[in-house]
Amino acid sequence: MNLPFSTNYKDGQLNHFVEKIMASLPSSKPTYYDNRFDEYSDDLIQYGQWIKPLSDKGVRYRPDMKLDNVLPKLHTFRRDENGRWQAGKVIHATLFNRTKFSWQFAIMPCIRVQPVLMTREAHKRMEVRFGFANATPYSTEEELLPIAINDGFENLDQFEEWFLPKPGQWDGRIIHWTQKVY
């Protein structure tokens, strides 16, 4: 199943989700992983020509696989109102989904899916509950920051701005393609 990703945070800054997802994949991949960059030799990657499928489509986004100290994106949060995502499904990670520029950059397994409830009150940090609504919340900066980083955000403020920029509630699921769970 296609799992689309964006290329920018809400403030317009590049999010490098492609690079962060690539960093989360095992270096020696089991057969269900497929890194689309492997199609090109190291010589071509060195000169940035592995992005040929993007340039052929006229896409201006250029992932930078030489970024230093890229922290891996280990999971993603989605609404998934119809419960489509389940452990065992195959994830086709894409950019520009449902456009003429659509680009699948990785294939990986869905290891686990967890229900998530995020809430935020005025002038407070958000709370995140995994599994069920009365679960113990992750509510301190020390508890929430690793969740934000593991989801590909640079800091907790970006994470909150993405999901709950103002007081309210966000119900969804967290989709894991690594063994990391909460």
C-alpha atoms as a PDB file:
ATOM      1  CA  MET A   1       0.000   0.000   0.000  1.00  0.00           C
ATOM      2  CA  ASN A   2       1.240   3.482  -0.787  1.00  0.00           C
ATOM      3  CA  LEU A   3       2.266   5.582   2.188  1.00  0.00           C
ATOM      4  CA  PRO A   4       2.851   9.146   0.997  1.00  0.00           C
ATOM      5  CA  PHE A   5       5.313  11.502   2.657  1.00  0.00           C
ATOM      6  CA  SER A   6       5.792  15.233   2.334  1.00  0.00           C
ATOM      7  CA  THR A   7       9.049  17.013   1.566  1.00  0.00           C
ATOM      8  CA  ASN A   8       8.553  20.061   3.798  1.00  0.00           C
ATOM      9  CA  TYR A   9       7.483  20.949   7.309  1.00  0.00           C
ATOM     10  CA  LYS A  10       4.562  23.339   7.647  1.00  0.00           C
ATOM     11  CA  ASP A  11       6.969  26.288   7.839  1.00  0.00           C
ATOM     12  CA  GLY A  12       8.328  25.403   4.381  1.00  0.00           C
ATOM     13  CA  GLN A  13      11.664  24.040   5.619  1.00  0.00           C
ATOM     14  CA  LEU A  14      12.818  20.748   4.012  1.00  0.00           C
ATOM     15  CA  ASN A  15      12.067  17.818   6.314  1.00  0.00           C
ATOM     16  CA  HIS A  16      14.451  15.257   4.725  1.00  0.00           C
ATOM     17  CA  PHE A  17      11.962  12.453   5.425  1.00  0.00           C
ATOM     18  CA  VAL A  18      13.345  10.427   2.491  1.00  0.00           C
ATOM     19  CA  GLU A  19      16.842  10.529   3.946  1.00  0.00           C
ATOM     20  CA  LYS A  20      15.558   9.829   7.466  1.00  0.00           C
ATOM     21  CA  ILE A  21      13.522   6.837   6.285  1.00  0.00           C
ATOM     22  CA  MET A  22      16.512   5.504   4.342  1.00  0.00           C
ATOM     23  CA  ALA A  23      18.595   5.834   7.536  1.00  0.00           C
ATOM     24  CA  SER A  24      16.029   3.683   9.386  1.00  0.00           C
ATOM     25  CA  LEU A  25      16.242   0.758   6.967  1.00  0.00           C
ATOM     26  CA  PRO A  26      18.679  -2.079   7.730  1.00  0.00           C
ATOM     27  CA  SER A  27      21.985  -1.925   5.890  1.00  0.00           C
ATOM     28  CA  SER A  28      21.742  -5.607   4.998  1.00  0.00           C
ATOM     29  CA  LYS A  29      18.130  -5.803   3.929  1.00  0.00           C
ATOM     30  CA  PRO A  30      15.901  -8.860   4.145  1.00  0.00           C
ATOM     31  CA  THR A  31      14.066  -9.534   0.898  1.00  0.00           C
ATOM     32  CA  TYR A  32      11.011  -7.447   1.844  1.00  0.00           C
ATOM     33  CA  TYR A  33      13.043  -4.237   1.920  1.00  0.00           C
ATOM     34  CA  ASP A  34      13.794  -2.443  -1.306  1.00  0.00           C
ATOM     35  CA  ASN A  35      15.835   0.720  -1.420  1.00  0.00           C
ATOM     36  CA  ARG A  36      15.287   2.389  -4.773  1.00  0.00           C
ATOM     37  CA  PHE A  37      18.745   3.963  -4.536  1.00  0.00           C
ATOM     38  CA  ASP A  38      20.357   0.511  -4.821  1.00  0.00           C
ATOM     39  CA  GLU A  39      19.573   0.534  -8.548  1.00  0.00           C
ATOM     40  CA  TYR A  40      22.527   2.843  -9.083  1.00  0.00           C
ATOM     41  CA  SER A  41      26.197   2.121  -8.578  1.00  0.00           C
ATOM     42  CA  ASP A  42      28.244   3.936  -5.949  1.00  0.00           C
ATOM     43  CA  ASP A  43      29.902   5.982  -8.708  1.00  0.00           C
ATOM     44  CA  LEU A  44      26.557   7.347  -9.847  1.00  0.00           C
ATOM     45  CA  ILE A  45      25.380   8.009  -6.296  1.00  0.00           C
ATOM     46  CA  GLN A  46      28.594   9.930  -5.703  1.00  0.00           C
ATOM     47  CA  TYR A  47      27.605  12.340  -8.470  1.00  0.00           C
ATOM     48  CA  GLY A  48      23.949  12.514  -7.457  1.00  0.00           C
ATOM     49  CA  GLN A  49      22.633  10.759 -10.550  1.00  0.00           C
ATOM     50  CA  TRP A  50      20.620   8.230  -8.535  1.00  0.00           C
ATOM     51  CA  ILE A  51      17.846  10.831  -8.611  1.00  0.00           C
ATOM     52  CA  LYS A  52      17.407  10.323 -12.333  1.00  0.00           C
ATOM     53  CA  PRO A  53      13.856   8.964 -11.889  1.00  0.00           C
ATOM     54  CA  LEU A  54      12.955  12.275 -10.266  1.00  0.00           C
ATOM     55  CA  SER A  55      14.616  14.473 -12.862  1.00  0.00           C
ATOM     56  CA  ASP A  56      12.999  12.452 -15.674  1.00  0.00           C
ATOM     57  CA  LYS A  57       9.651  13.478 -14.212  1.00  0.00           C
ATOM     58  CA  GLY A  58      10.643  17.118 -13.800  1.00  0.00           C
ATOM     59  CA  VAL A  59      10.625  16.999 -10.002  1.00  0.00           C
ATOM     60  CA  ARG A  60      12.722  19.653  -8.331  1.00  0.00           C
ATOM     61  CA  TYR A  61      13.085  17.885  -4.983  1.00  0.00           C
ATOM     62  CA  ARG A  62      16.528  16.346  -4.567  1.00  0.00           C
ATOM     63  CA  PRO A  63      17.108  14.104  -1.535  1.00  0.00           C
ATOM     64  CA  ASP A  64      20.562  14.605  -0.030  1.00  0.00           C
ATOM     65  CA  MET A  65      21.825  11.177   0.982  1.00  0.00           C
ATOM     66  CA  LYS A  66      25.116  12.710   2.125  1.00  0.00           C
ATOM     67  CA  LEU A  67      23.581  14.660   4.995  1.00  0.00           C
ATOM     68  CA  ASP A  68      25.669  14.294   8.127  1.00  0.00           C
ATOM     69  CA  ASN A  69      24.151  12.891  11.304  1.00  0.00           C
ATOM     70  CA  VAL A  70      20.719  12.093   9.873  1.00  0.00           C
ATOM     71  CA  LEU A  71      18.524  10.727  12.639  1.00  0.00           C
ATOM     72  CA  PRO A  72      16.318   7.914  11.343  1.00  0.00           C
ATOM     73  CA  LYS A  73      12.559   8.283  10.966  1.00  0.00           C
ATOM     74  CA  LEU A  74      11.292   5.096  12.630  1.00  0.00           C
ATOM     75  CA  HIS A  75       7.538   5.475  12.175  1.00  0.00           C
ATOM     76  CA  THR A  76       4.777   7.750  10.979  1.00  0.00           C
ATOM     77  CA  PHE A  77       1.465   8.911  12.418  1.00  0.00           C
ATOM     78  CA  ARG A  78      -1.674   8.687  10.256  1.00  0.00           C
ATOM     79  CA  ARG A  79      -5.407   9.153  10.769  1.00  0.00           C
ATOM     80  CA  ASP A  80      -6.202   5.752   9.196  1.00  0.00           C
ATOM     81  CA  GLU A  81      -9.923   6.107   9.914  1.00  0.00           C
ATOM     82  CA  ASN A  82     -10.774   2.915   8.019  1.00  0.00           C
ATOM     83  CA  GLY A  83      -8.093   0.789   9.694  1.00  0.00           C
ATOM     84  CA  ARG A  84      -6.323   0.020   6.426  1.00  0.00           C
ATOM     85  CA  TRP A  85      -2.879  -0.324   7.993  1.00  0.00           C
ATOM     86  CA  GLN A  86      -2.088  -3.609   9.697  1.00  0.00           C
ATOM     87  CA  ALA A  87       1.049  -5.509  10.653  1.00  0.00           C
ATOM     88  CA  GLY A  88       2.233  -7.599   7.732  1.00  0.00           C
ATOM     89  CA  LYS A  89       1.167  -5.170   5.001  1.00  0.00           C
ATOM     90  CA  VAL A  90       3.822  -3.893   2.634  1.00  0.00           C
ATOM     91  CA  ILE A  91       4.594  -0.172   2.745  1.00  0.00           C
ATOM     92  CA  HIS A  92       5.418   1.557  -0.539  1.00  0.00           C
ATOM     93  CA  ALA A  93       6.942   4.842   0.649  1.00  0.00           C
ATOM     94  CA  THR A  94       6.227   7.562  -1.917  1.00  0.00           C
ATOM     95  CA  LEU A  95       6.601  11.245  -2.594  1.00  0.00           C
ATOM     96  CA  PHE A  96       4.082  13.246  -4.601  1.00  0.00           C
ATOM     97  CA  ASN A  97       1.477  10.483  -4.396  1.00  0.00           C
ATOM     98  CA  ARG A  98      -1.384  10.598  -6.902  1.00  0.00           C
ATOM     99  CA  THR A  99       0.362  13.108  -9.132  1.00  0.00           C
ATOM    100  CA  LYS A 100       2.268  12.720 -12.379  1.00  0.00           C
ATOM    101  CA  PHE A 101       5.409  13.195 -10.250  1.00  0.00           C
ATOM    102  CA  SER A 102       4.679  10.236  -7.927  1.00  0.00           C
ATOM    103  CA  TRP A 103       7.919   8.551  -6.861  1.00  0.00           C
ATOM    104  CA  GLN A 104       8.236   5.390  -4.790  1.00  0.00           C
ATOM    105  CA  PHE A 105      11.533   5.517  -2.917  1.00  0.00           C
ATOM    106  CA  ALA A 106      11.339   2.457  -0.650  1.00  0.00           C
ATOM    107  CA  ILE A 107       9.432  -0.732   0.053  1.00  0.00           C
ATOM    108  CA  MET A 108       9.342  -1.929   3.662  1.00  0.00           C
ATOM    109  CA  PRO A 109       7.195  -4.072   5.934  1.00  0.00           C
ATOM    110  CA  CYS A 110       4.583  -2.745   8.316  1.00  0.00           C
ATOM    111  CA  ILE A 111       5.870  -4.283  11.542  1.00  0.00           C
ATOM    112  CA  ARG A 112       3.200  -2.972  13.912  1.00  0.00           C
ATOM    113  CA  VAL A 113       0.350  -0.467  14.148  1.00  0.00           C
ATOM    114  CA  GLN A 114      -0.683   1.187  17.416  1.00  0.00           C
ATOM    115  CA  PRO A 115      -3.699   3.399  18.153  1.00  0.00           C
ATOM    116  CA  VAL A 116      -2.691   6.915  19.232  1.00  0.00           C
ATOM    117  CA  LEU A 117      -4.537   9.712  20.972  1.00  0.00           C
ATOM    118  CA  MET A 118      -2.913  13.146  21.142  1.00  0.00           C
ATOM    119  CA  THR A 119      -4.496  15.915  23.197  1.00  0.00           C
ATOM    120  CA  ARG A 120      -3.477  19.483  23.888  1.00  0.00           C
ATOM    121  CA  GLU A 121      -4.860  22.057  26.260  1.00  0.00           C
ATOM    122  CA  ALA A 122      -4.264  25.811  25.962  1.00  0.00           C
ATOM    123  CA  HIS A 123      -0.793  26.918  27.068  1.00  0.00           C
ATOM    124  CA  LYS A 124       0.359  23.342  27.702  1.00  0.00           C
ATOM    125  CA  ARG A 125       2.409  20.720  25.948  1.00  0.00           C
ATOM    126  CA  MET A 126       0.526  17.971  24.174  1.00  0.00           C
ATOM    127  CA  GLU A 127      -0.033  14.542  25.691  1.00  0.00           C
ATOM    128  CA  VAL A 128       0.347  11.357  23.649  1.00  0.00           C
ATOM    129  CA  ARG A 129      -1.277   8.056  24.587  1.00  0.00           C
ATOM    130  CA  PHE A 130      -0.477   4.803  22.788  1.00  0.00           C
ATOM    131  CA  GLY A 131      -2.801   1.815  22.717  1.00  0.00           C
ATOM    132  CA  PHE A 132      -5.935   3.123  24.385  1.00  0.00           C
ATOM    133  CA  ALA A 133      -7.403   6.384  25.697  1.00  0.00           C
ATOM    134  CA  ASN A 134      -6.798   5.696  29.387  1.00  0.00           C
ATOM    135  CA  ALA A 135      -3.146   4.659  28.879  1.00  0.00           C
ATOM    136  CA  THR A 136      -0.519   6.584  30.820  1.00  0.00           C
ATOM    137  CA  PRO A 137       0.270   9.666  28.736  1.00  0.00           C
ATOM    138  CA  TYR A 138       3.650  10.775  27.507  1.00  0.00           C
ATOM    139  CA  SER A 139       3.464  14.386  28.621  1.00  0.00           C
ATOM    140  CA  THR A 140       6.853  15.778  29.624  1.00  0.00           C
ATOM    141  CA  GLU A 141       9.346  17.209  27.161  1.00  0.00           C
ATOM    142  CA  GLU A 142      11.735  14.375  28.061  1.00  0.00           C
ATOM    143  CA  GLU A 143       9.077  11.801  27.136  1.00  0.00           C
ATOM    144  CA  LEU A 144       7.756  13.566  24.032  1.00  0.00           C
ATOM    145  CA  LEU A 145      11.012  14.664  22.370  1.00  0.00           C
ATOM    146  CA  PRO A 146      12.156  11.121  21.436  1.00  0.00           C
ATOM    147  CA  ILE A 147       8.735  10.477  19.867  1.00  0.00           C
ATOM    148  CA  ALA A 148       9.049  13.664  17.796  1.00  0.00           C
ATOM    149  CA  ILE A 149      12.645  12.864  16.744  1.00  0.00           C
ATOM    150  CA  ASN A 150      11.720   9.259  15.861  1.00  0.00           C
ATOM    151  CA  ASP A 151       8.926  10.631  13.681  1.00  0.00           C
ATOM    152  CA  GLY A 152      11.380  12.759  11.707  1.00  0.00           C
ATOM    153  CA  PHE A 153      10.901  16.131  13.391  1.00  0.00           C
ATOM    154  CA  GLU A 154      13.797  18.288  14.522  1.00  0.00           C
ATOM    155  CA  ASN A 155      12.176  19.347  17.794  1.00  0.00           C
ATOM    156  CA  LEU A 156       9.002  19.113  19.847  1.00  0.00           C
ATOM    157  CA  ASP A 157       7.629  22.450  18.652  1.00  0.00           C
ATOM    158  CA  GLN A 158       7.622  21.232  15.020  1.00  0.00           C
ATOM    159  CA  PHE A 159       5.877  18.026  16.084  1.00  0.00           C
ATOM    160  CA  GLU A 160       3.159  19.913  17.956  1.00  0.00           C
ATOM    161  CA  GLU A 161       2.729  22.408  15.112  1.00  0.00           C
ATOM    162  CA  TRP A 162       2.212  19.504  12.689  1.00  0.00           C
ATOM    163  CA  PHE A 163      -0.398  17.598  14.692  1.00  0.00           C
ATOM    164  CA  LEU A 164      -1.942  19.990  17.221  1.00  0.00           C
ATOM    165  CA  PRO A 165      -1.049  23.641  16.540  1.00  0.00           C
ATOM    166  CA  LYS A 166      -3.897  24.704  18.837  1.00  0.00           C
ATOM    167  CA  PRO A 167      -5.797  23.015  21.680  1.00  0.00           C
ATOM    168  CA  GLY A 168      -7.701  19.942  20.615  1.00  0.00           C
ATOM    169  CA  GLN A 169      -7.466  16.230  19.982  1.00  0.00           C
ATOM    170  CA  TRP A 170      -5.884  14.073  17.275  1.00  0.00           C
ATOM    171  CA  ASP A 171      -6.891  10.413  16.911  1.00  0.00           C
ATOM    172  CA  GLY A 172      -4.953   8.106  14.663  1.00  0.00           C
ATOM    173  CA  ARG A 173      -2.441   5.338  14.465  1.00  0.00           C
ATOM    174  CA  ILE A 174       1.302   5.036  14.452  1.00  0.00           C
ATOM    175  CA  ILE A 175       2.702   2.871  11.672  1.00  0.00           C
ATOM    176  CA  HIS A 176       6.012   1.166  12.459  1.00  0.00           C
ATOM    177  CA  TRP A 177       8.454  -0.240   9.908  1.00  0.00           C
ATOM    178  CA  THR A 178      11.108  -0.852  12.583  1.00  0.00           C
ATOM    179  CA  GLN A 179      10.984  -2.728  15.881  1.00  0.00           C
ATOM    180  CA  LYS A 180      10.633   0.511  17.891  1.00  0.00           C
ATOM    181  CA  VAL A 181       7.293   0.641  19.764  1.00  0.00           C
ATOM    182  CA  TYR A 182       5.907   2.679  22.658  1.00  0.00           C
END
